[in-house]
Protein backbone atom coordinates (compact mmCIF):
# COMPACT_ATOMS: atom_id res chain seq x y z
CA UNK A 1 19.44 55.44 49.93
CA UNK A 2 20.37 53.86 46.62
CA UNK A 3 21.14 56.02 43.62
CA UNK A 4 20.13 55.71 39.97
CA UNK A 5 23.04 56.89 37.84
CA UNK A 6 22.90 58.23 34.31
CA UNK A 7 26.33 57.50 32.91
CA UNK A 8 28.16 59.52 30.28
CA UNK A 9 31.57 58.70 28.81
CA UNK A 10 34.41 60.93 29.90
CA UNK A 11 38.13 60.69 29.25
CA UNK A 12 39.08 60.62 32.91
CA UNK A 13 38.72 58.55 36.06
CA UNK A 14 36.09 59.23 38.72
CA UNK A 15 35.10 57.05 41.67
CA UNK A 16 31.29 57.01 41.74
CA UNK A 17 28.56 58.79 43.64
CA UNK A 18 27.69 60.62 46.83
CA UNK A 19 30.48 60.80 49.41
CA UNK A 20 32.96 59.46 46.89
CA UNK A 21 32.76 62.21 44.26
CA UNK A 22 36.01 63.53 42.89
CA UNK A 23 37.37 66.59 44.61
CA UNK A 24 40.59 68.41 45.43
CA UNK A 25 41.09 66.31 48.58
CA UNK A 26 40.90 62.90 46.87
CA UNK A 27 44.16 61.28 45.70
CA UNK A 28 43.54 58.49 43.21
CA UNK A 29 47.11 57.18 43.54
CA UNK A 30 46.86 56.69 47.31
CA UNK A 31 45.92 53.13 48.25
CA UNK A 32 43.27 52.75 50.97
CA UNK A 33 43.86 50.55 54.02
CA UNK A 34 43.55 46.80 53.45
CA UNK A 35 41.53 44.04 55.13
CA UNK A 36 39.27 46.21 57.31
CA UNK A 37 37.60 44.19 60.07
CA UNK A 38 36.12 44.67 63.54
CA UNK A 39 34.72 43.09 66.69
CA UNK A 40 32.66 44.22 69.66
CA UNK A 41 34.91 45.16 72.54
CA UNK A 42 31.89 45.57 74.85
CA UNK A 43 28.28 46.76 74.78
CA UNK A 44 29.23 50.33 73.75
CA UNK A 45 32.60 50.02 71.95
CA UNK A 46 33.80 48.50 68.68
CA UNK A 47 37.43 47.78 67.85
CA UNK A 48 38.31 48.33 64.19
CA UNK A 49 41.39 46.62 62.69
CA UNK A 50 43.08 47.02 59.32
CA UNK A 51 46.28 46.15 57.48
CA UNK A 52 48.74 48.84 56.41
CA UNK A 53 48.16 50.52 53.10
CA UNK A 54 50.57 49.57 50.34
CA UNK A 55 51.22 53.33 50.07
CA UNK A 56 52.52 53.43 53.66
CA UNK A 57 56.14 53.29 52.49
CA UNK A 58 55.83 56.52 50.50
CA UNK A 59 57.58 59.52 52.04
CA UNK A 60 54.46 61.70 52.19
CA UNK A 61 52.18 59.03 53.67
CA UNK A 62 50.54 60.56 56.74
CA UNK A 63 48.47 57.76 58.26
CA UNK A 64 44.73 57.12 58.39
CA UNK A 65 41.36 58.80 58.99
CA UNK A 66 38.69 56.77 60.79
CA UNK A 67 35.18 58.26 60.77
CA UNK A 68 31.84 57.25 62.28
CA UNK A 69 28.80 59.44 62.78
CA UNK A 70 30.08 63.00 63.27
CA UNK A 71 33.46 61.83 64.62
CA UNK A 72 36.72 61.64 62.65
CA UNK A 73 39.99 60.54 64.24
CA UNK A 74 43.36 61.26 62.63
CA UNK A 75 45.71 58.31 63.23
CA UNK A 76 49.43 57.90 62.59
CA UNK A 77 50.85 55.46 60.06
CA UNK A 78 51.82 53.03 62.83
CA UNK A 79 48.25 52.66 64.14
CA UNK A 80 46.42 49.63 62.72
CA UNK A 81 43.60 49.29 65.25
CA UNK A 82 41.32 51.67 67.09
CA UNK A 83 38.55 51.31 69.69
CA UNK A 84 35.58 53.56 68.89
CA UNK A 85 32.89 54.56 71.35
CA UNK A 86 30.75 54.97 73.26
CA UNK A 87 28.33 53.97 70.48
CA UNK A 88 24.54 53.66 70.40
CA UNK A 89 22.89 50.24 70.05
CA UNK A 90 22.64 48.90 66.52
CA UNK A 91 24.90 49.10 63.50
CA UNK A 92 27.42 51.91 63.08
CA UNK A 93 29.25 52.47 59.80
CA UNK A 94 32.97 53.07 60.09
CA UNK A 95 34.81 54.64 57.15
CA UNK A 96 38.58 54.35 56.88
CA UNK A 97 40.88 56.23 54.49
CA UNK A 98 44.60 56.58 54.00
CA UNK A 99 45.89 60.16 54.05
CA UNK A 100 48.84 62.16 52.76
CA UNK A 101 50.77 64.59 54.93
CA UNK A 102 49.29 67.41 52.82
CA UNK A 103 45.72 66.34 53.74
CA UNK A 104 44.73 64.47 50.57
CA UNK A 105 42.94 61.18 51.21
CA UNK A 106 42.32 57.85 49.49
CA UNK A 107 38.98 56.41 48.46
CA UNK A 108 37.14 55.07 51.55
CA UNK A 109 36.76 51.51 52.79
CA UNK A 110 33.77 50.92 55.09
CA UNK A 111 32.57 48.32 57.55
CA UNK A 112 29.35 48.27 59.59
CA UNK A 113 29.43 46.74 63.05
CA UNK A 114 27.29 46.79 66.18
CA UNK A 115 28.57 46.78 69.77
CA UNK A 116 27.61 43.65 71.71
CA UNK A 117 27.61 42.71 75.39
CA UNK A 118 30.60 40.52 76.26
CA UNK A 119 30.55 37.64 78.74
CA UNK A 120 34.02 36.16 78.68
CA UNK A 121 35.60 37.15 82.01
CA UNK A 122 33.85 34.29 83.85
CA UNK A 123 33.12 31.47 81.39
CA UNK A 124 29.93 29.47 81.72
CA UNK A 125 30.28 25.69 82.10
CA UNK A 126 27.78 23.24 80.63
CA UNK A 127 27.70 19.44 80.82
CA UNK A 128 26.64 16.95 78.22
CA UNK A 129 23.17 15.43 78.14
CA UNK A 130 22.62 11.79 77.28
CA UNK A 131 19.20 10.20 77.62
CA UNK A 132 20.69 6.90 78.76
CA UNK A 133 22.45 8.37 81.82
CA UNK A 134 21.56 10.49 84.81
CA UNK A 135 24.22 12.99 83.73
CA UNK A 136 24.21 16.65 84.71
CA UNK A 137 21.61 18.29 82.44
CA UNK A 138 22.60 21.93 81.99
CA UNK A 139 22.28 24.34 79.12
CA UNK A 140 22.56 28.05 78.32
CA UNK A 141 20.04 30.85 78.48
CA UNK A 142 21.74 33.24 76.07
CA UNK A 143 20.07 36.36 77.46
CA UNK A 144 17.97 39.16 75.95
CA UNK A 145 17.86 42.97 75.82
CA UNK A 146 17.72 43.10 79.61
CA UNK A 147 19.05 39.75 80.91
CA UNK A 148 22.54 38.27 80.87
CA UNK A 149 23.47 34.75 79.79
CA UNK A 150 23.37 32.08 82.50
CA UNK A 151 23.76 28.33 82.76
CA UNK A 152 20.41 26.70 83.52
CA UNK A 153 19.34 23.27 84.71
CA UNK A 154 17.14 21.68 82.06
CA UNK A 155 13.76 21.19 83.68
CA UNK A 156 10.22 22.01 82.51
CA UNK A 157 10.57 25.41 84.18
CA UNK A 158 13.45 26.23 81.79
CA UNK A 159 11.25 25.89 78.72
CA UNK A 160 11.02 29.62 78.06
CA UNK A 161 14.71 30.36 78.59
CA UNK A 162 16.90 27.49 77.35
CA UNK A 163 18.61 28.37 74.05
CA UNK A 164 21.26 25.69 73.53
CA UNK A 165 22.80 22.71 75.32
CA UNK A 166 25.60 20.18 75.01
CA UNK A 167 24.47 16.88 73.54
CA UNK A 168 26.53 13.73 74.08
CA UNK A 169 26.30 10.08 73.19
CA UNK A 170 28.57 7.20 74.16
CA UNK A 171 31.42 7.01 71.69
CA UNK A 172 30.14 10.07 69.80
CA UNK A 173 31.52 13.64 69.58
CA UNK A 174 29.89 16.43 71.54
CA UNK A 175 27.39 18.69 69.79
CA UNK A 176 26.14 22.19 70.54
CA UNK A 177 22.42 21.74 70.02
CA UNK A 178 19.35 23.93 69.66
CA UNK A 179 16.96 23.79 72.61
CA UNK A 180 14.20 22.45 70.37
CA UNK A 181 16.36 19.37 69.77
CA UNK A 182 15.70 18.53 73.41
CA UNK A 183 11.95 19.25 73.21
CA UNK A 184 10.39 20.53 70.01
CA UNK A 185 8.31 23.16 71.85
CA UNK A 186 11.41 24.90 73.23
CA UNK A 187 13.32 27.84 71.80
CA UNK A 188 14.78 27.47 68.30
CA UNK A 189 18.47 28.32 67.96
CA UNK A 190 20.06 28.14 64.52
CA UNK A 191 23.83 27.85 64.16
CA UNK A 192 25.70 29.21 61.17
CA UNK A 193 27.48 26.89 58.77
CA UNK A 194 30.49 29.19 59.33
CA UNK A 195 32.80 28.97 62.35
CA UNK A 196 36.28 30.30 63.14
CA UNK A 197 39.23 28.74 64.94
CA UNK A 198 40.25 31.35 67.54
CA UNK A 199 41.84 31.40 71.01
CA UNK A 200 39.46 34.11 72.32
CA UNK A 201 36.42 36.16 71.34
CA UNK A 202 38.82 38.93 70.30
CA UNK A 203 38.84 37.86 66.67
CA UNK A 204 38.20 40.64 64.18
CA UNK A 205 35.95 39.83 61.20
CA UNK A 206 35.23 41.50 57.89
CA UNK A 207 31.56 40.45 58.17
CA UNK A 208 29.14 38.51 60.32
CA UNK A 209 27.96 35.35 58.53
CA UNK A 210 25.12 35.93 56.06
CA UNK A 211 21.59 35.17 57.21
CA UNK A 212 21.28 32.23 54.83
CA UNK A 213 24.06 30.39 56.70
CA UNK A 214 21.99 30.08 59.89
CA UNK A 215 20.53 26.67 59.08
CA UNK A 216 22.02 24.16 61.54
CA UNK A 217 20.34 22.77 64.66
CA UNK A 218 23.60 21.10 65.79
CA UNK A 219 27.31 21.82 65.36
CA UNK A 220 30.22 19.59 66.44
CA UNK A 221 32.24 20.97 69.33
CA UNK A 222 35.87 21.92 68.71
CA UNK A 223 38.22 23.52 71.22
CA UNK A 224 39.09 27.21 70.72
CA UNK A 225 36.40 27.81 68.12
CA UNK A 226 33.89 30.64 67.65
CA UNK A 227 30.40 29.60 66.55
CA UNK A 228 27.68 32.01 65.40
CA UNK A 229 24.03 31.54 66.37
CA UNK A 230 20.65 33.10 65.80
CA UNK A 231 18.66 32.90 69.03
CA UNK A 232 14.85 32.94 69.05
CA UNK A 233 14.33 33.70 72.71
CA UNK A 234 11.86 36.09 74.30
CA UNK A 235 8.58 36.50 72.36
CA UNK A 236 9.15 38.66 69.29
CA UNK A 237 12.91 38.84 69.86
CA UNK A 238 15.68 37.36 67.75
CA UNK A 239 19.24 37.89 68.94
CA UNK A 240 22.59 37.10 67.35
CA UNK A 241 25.43 35.72 69.41
CA UNK A 242 29.02 34.56 69.12
CA UNK A 243 29.88 31.47 71.17
CA UNK A 244 33.52 30.76 72.00
CA UNK A 245 34.08 27.15 73.06
CA UNK A 246 37.08 26.29 75.15
CA UNK A 247 38.58 23.43 77.16
CA UNK A 248 36.45 20.35 76.55
CA UNK A 249 37.02 18.22 79.65
CA UNK A 250 35.91 15.08 81.45
CA UNK A 251 34.78 11.68 80.18
CA UNK A 252 31.42 10.37 79.05
CA UNK A 253 28.78 10.89 80.46
CA UNK A 254 30.12 13.94 82.30
CA UNK A 255 32.00 15.76 79.58
CA UNK A 256 31.87 19.54 79.90
CA UNK A 257 32.88 22.67 78.02
CA UNK A 258 33.40 26.32 78.87
CA UNK A 259 31.63 28.90 76.73
CA UNK A 260 32.29 32.61 76.42
CA UNK A 261 29.62 34.72 74.78
CA UNK A 262 29.19 37.96 72.85
CA UNK A 263 25.48 38.86 72.72
CA UNK A 264 23.90 41.42 70.40
CA UNK A 265 21.14 42.78 72.64
CA UNK A 266 19.37 44.81 69.92
CA UNK A 267 16.73 42.43 68.52
CA UNK A 268 17.23 41.43 64.91
CA UNK A 269 20.59 43.19 64.52
CA UNK A 270 23.54 41.00 63.55
CA UNK A 271 26.90 41.76 65.11
CA UNK A 272 28.13 42.97 61.74
CA UNK A 273 26.94 43.76 58.26
CA UNK A 274 28.99 42.72 55.28
CA UNK A 275 31.66 45.23 54.27
CA UNK A 276 30.86 47.00 50.99
CA UNK A 277 33.29 46.21 48.21
CA UNK A 278 35.90 48.90 47.49
CA UNK A 279 34.71 51.33 44.83
CA UNK A 280 35.96 50.71 41.31
CA UNK A 281 37.65 53.28 39.15
CA UNK A 282 35.42 53.95 36.18
CA UNK A 283 36.30 55.68 32.91
CA UNK A 284 32.88 57.33 33.15
CA UNK A 285 31.15 60.40 34.51
CA UNK A 286 28.45 59.25 36.93
CA UNK A 287 25.55 61.67 37.41
CA UNK A 288 23.48 60.52 40.38
CA UNK A 289 19.86 61.12 41.34
CA UNK A 290 18.15 59.73 44.45
CA UNK A 291 15.83 56.81 43.75
């Protein structure tokens, strides 16, 4: 719930509203952890990463506190990643603070992330499609709340399941393409304008790409790259997915790629929500009332 704050000048420094009110346990001089990020380890666990606090060299630096729901874990100064779970479907907010050995803590840094089903142990292989050749027409059914991703042969019977395929042309680069680029009546998959060079799906992010970035029907294929997609699959369901592309192989018209997938099964929930900005120190007294 947002707050409406009536602000009065005060000769002092306070940190804002709600959970971040001043108190005997809050140390303004203690720097919070840096660069908080996360990824879905599996369908019930999230791995949170961070960089060491700049205060970590101080003699009374005690480590970190990671909280989610009703759980708080006390972690040593050497720990910079933690796997949390089991977690319910949907977004969970993780709050991370630095701590002193005497129990005082820094202002919090938060990230929201949702566990997602992982399909990277046995990669799926898909082959390019070119209308001028017989080729090997295969694509990907990215799965739903109850089904897992599979490679599918592109036939009329695949109309309700195909989500994306590999498009090729003689002398042209390969493209990951939305199913409706094959036939306009088929499922619409929108790729984000953002992608990440990465050797595996185990790449921690500070945020999932914003909704406005999901605007592309095709993206060029690059080896060891994570693409983000919004899948309009089963009726009434929209799922978000990370696609890791690896090992382009073969020659036209039988080029192929391996894909490894991380699927957010909860409809309409992105893998992550943008991390809130760190709270600012204000030379003000903030008096908060629920809106």
